Amino acid sequence: MSVFRFDTEMLVTPHLAKFVGHDSPMPPLRRYQDDGLFDRFAYHASELWGNGRDVWQQPQPAGQMLGD
């Protein structure tokens, strides 16, 4: 999913199965109310970004958990 947010407006591209990004729809969203579609996409994108991990992180030795 691609999300481009500008204050109270957002462009969202949910990547659909069997389509590449430029073939997926990109509806514009505007925030009109609390907990509407805009807020739900904003929350979802924030959760994904906040729970992501560094792809360049060094591999952990076998049997060792991240954070150990």
C-alpha atoms as a PDB file:
ATOM      1  CA  MET A   1       0.000   0.000   0.000  1.00  0.00           C
ATOM      2  CA  SER A   2       1.218   3.469  -0.801  1.00  0.00           C
ATOM      3  CA  VAL A   3       0.008   6.430   1.235  1.00  0.00           C
ATOM      4  CA  PHE A   4       0.711  10.080   0.491  1.00  0.00           C
ATOM      5  CA  ARG A   5      -0.668  12.334   3.238  1.00  0.00           C
ATOM      6  CA  PHE A   6      -1.044  16.102   3.123  1.00  0.00           C
ATOM      7  CA  ASP A   7      -2.632  17.452   6.332  1.00  0.00           C
ATOM      8  CA  THR A   8      -6.341  16.628   5.791  1.00  0.00           C
ATOM      9  CA  GLU A   9      -5.977  15.040   2.361  1.00  0.00           C
ATOM     10  CA  MET A  10      -4.490  11.699   1.380  1.00  0.00           C
ATOM     11  CA  LEU A  11      -3.843   9.606  -1.723  1.00  0.00           C
ATOM     12  CA  VAL A  12      -4.017   5.865  -1.050  1.00  0.00           C
ATOM     13  CA  THR A  13      -3.022   3.023  -3.361  1.00  0.00           C
ATOM     14  CA  PRO A  14      -4.043  -0.354  -1.938  1.00  0.00           C
ATOM     15  CA  HIS A  15      -2.058  -2.753  -4.142  1.00  0.00           C
ATOM     16  CA  LEU A  16      -4.448  -5.364  -5.479  1.00  0.00           C
ATOM     17  CA  ALA A  17      -3.597  -9.002  -6.137  1.00  0.00           C
ATOM     18  CA  LYS A  18      -2.139  -9.643  -9.609  1.00  0.00           C
ATOM     19  CA  PHE A  19      -1.630  -5.920 -10.257  1.00  0.00           C
ATOM     20  CA  VAL A  20       1.474  -3.769  -9.913  1.00  0.00           C
ATOM     21  CA  GLY A  21       1.173  -0.445  -8.118  1.00  0.00           C
ATOM     22  CA  HIS A  22       0.512   1.728 -11.178  1.00  0.00           C
ATOM     23  CA  ASP A  23      -2.390  -0.561 -12.179  1.00  0.00           C
ATOM     24  CA  SER A  24      -4.087  -0.306  -8.772  1.00  0.00           C
ATOM     25  CA  PRO A  25      -6.663   2.409  -7.961  1.00  0.00           C
ATOM     26  CA  MET A  26      -5.526   5.559  -6.128  1.00  0.00           C
ATOM     27  CA  PRO A  27      -8.566   7.266  -4.596  1.00  0.00           C
ATOM     28  CA  PRO A  28      -8.146  10.715  -3.036  1.00  0.00           C
ATOM     29  CA  LEU A  29      -9.400  10.950   0.542  1.00  0.00           C
ATOM     30  CA  ARG A  30     -10.298  14.017   2.563  1.00  0.00           C
ATOM     31  CA  ARG A  31     -10.870  14.101   6.314  1.00  0.00           C
ATOM     32  CA  TYR A  32     -14.449  15.090   7.090  1.00  0.00           C
ATOM     33  CA  GLN A  33     -15.104  13.390  10.432  1.00  0.00           C
ATOM     34  CA  ASP A  34     -13.507  11.482  13.295  1.00  0.00           C
ATOM     35  CA  ASP A  35     -12.929   7.766  12.669  1.00  0.00           C
ATOM     36  CA  GLY A  36     -13.902   8.010   9.014  1.00  0.00           C
ATOM     37  CA  LEU A  37     -12.095   6.394   6.115  1.00  0.00           C
ATOM     38  CA  PHE A  38      -9.279   8.986   6.246  1.00  0.00           C
ATOM     39  CA  ASP A  39      -8.561   8.317   9.932  1.00  0.00           C
ATOM     40  CA  ARG A  40      -8.658   4.557   9.418  1.00  0.00           C
ATOM     41  CA  PHE A  41      -6.129   4.644   6.573  1.00  0.00           C
ATOM     42  CA  ALA A  42      -3.965   7.113   8.521  1.00  0.00           C
ATOM     43  CA  TYR A  43      -3.985   4.816  11.565  1.00  0.00           C
ATOM     44  CA  HIS A  44      -3.198   1.755   9.447  1.00  0.00           C
ATOM     45  CA  ALA A  45      -0.253   3.458   7.731  1.00  0.00           C
ATOM     46  CA  SER A  46       1.028   4.769  11.078  1.00  0.00           C
ATOM     47  CA  GLU A  47       0.895   1.285  12.608  1.00  0.00           C
ATOM     48  CA  LEU A  48       2.751  -0.262   9.667  1.00  0.00           C
ATOM     49  CA  TRP A  49       5.424   2.448   9.752  1.00  0.00           C
ATOM     50  CA  GLY A  50       5.799   2.334  13.536  1.00  0.00           C
ATOM     51  CA  ASN A  51       6.102  -1.460  13.668  1.00  0.00           C
ATOM     52  CA  GLY A  52       8.500  -1.734  10.734  1.00  0.00           C
ATOM     53  CA  ARG A  53      12.086  -2.829  11.137  1.00  0.00           C
ATOM     54  CA  ASP A  54      15.341  -1.808   9.548  1.00  0.00           C
ATOM     55  CA  VAL A  55      15.984  -4.006   6.498  1.00  0.00           C
ATOM     56  CA  TRP A  56      19.731  -3.372   6.864  1.00  0.00           C
ATOM     57  CA  GLN A  57      19.807  -4.711  10.410  1.00  0.00           C
ATOM     58  CA  GLN A  58      22.582  -7.251  11.029  1.00  0.00           C
ATOM     59  CA  PRO A  59      21.374 -10.868  11.275  1.00  0.00           C
ATOM     60  CA  GLN A  60      21.160 -12.309  14.780  1.00  0.00           C
ATOM     61  CA  PRO A  61      23.239 -15.367  15.703  1.00  0.00           C
ATOM     62  CA  ALA A  62      21.260 -18.633  15.691  1.00  0.00           C
ATOM     63  CA  GLY A  63      19.192 -19.120  18.836  1.00  0.00           C
ATOM     64  CA  GLN A  64      19.308 -15.431  19.807  1.00  0.00           C
ATOM     65  CA  MET A  65      16.193 -13.255  19.828  1.00  0.00           C
ATOM     66  CA  LEU A  66      16.084  -9.626  18.676  1.00  0.00           C
ATOM     67  CA  GLY A  67      16.670  -7.350  21.648  1.00  0.00           C
ATOM     68  CA  ASP A  68      18.828  -9.916  23.496  1.00  0.00           C
END
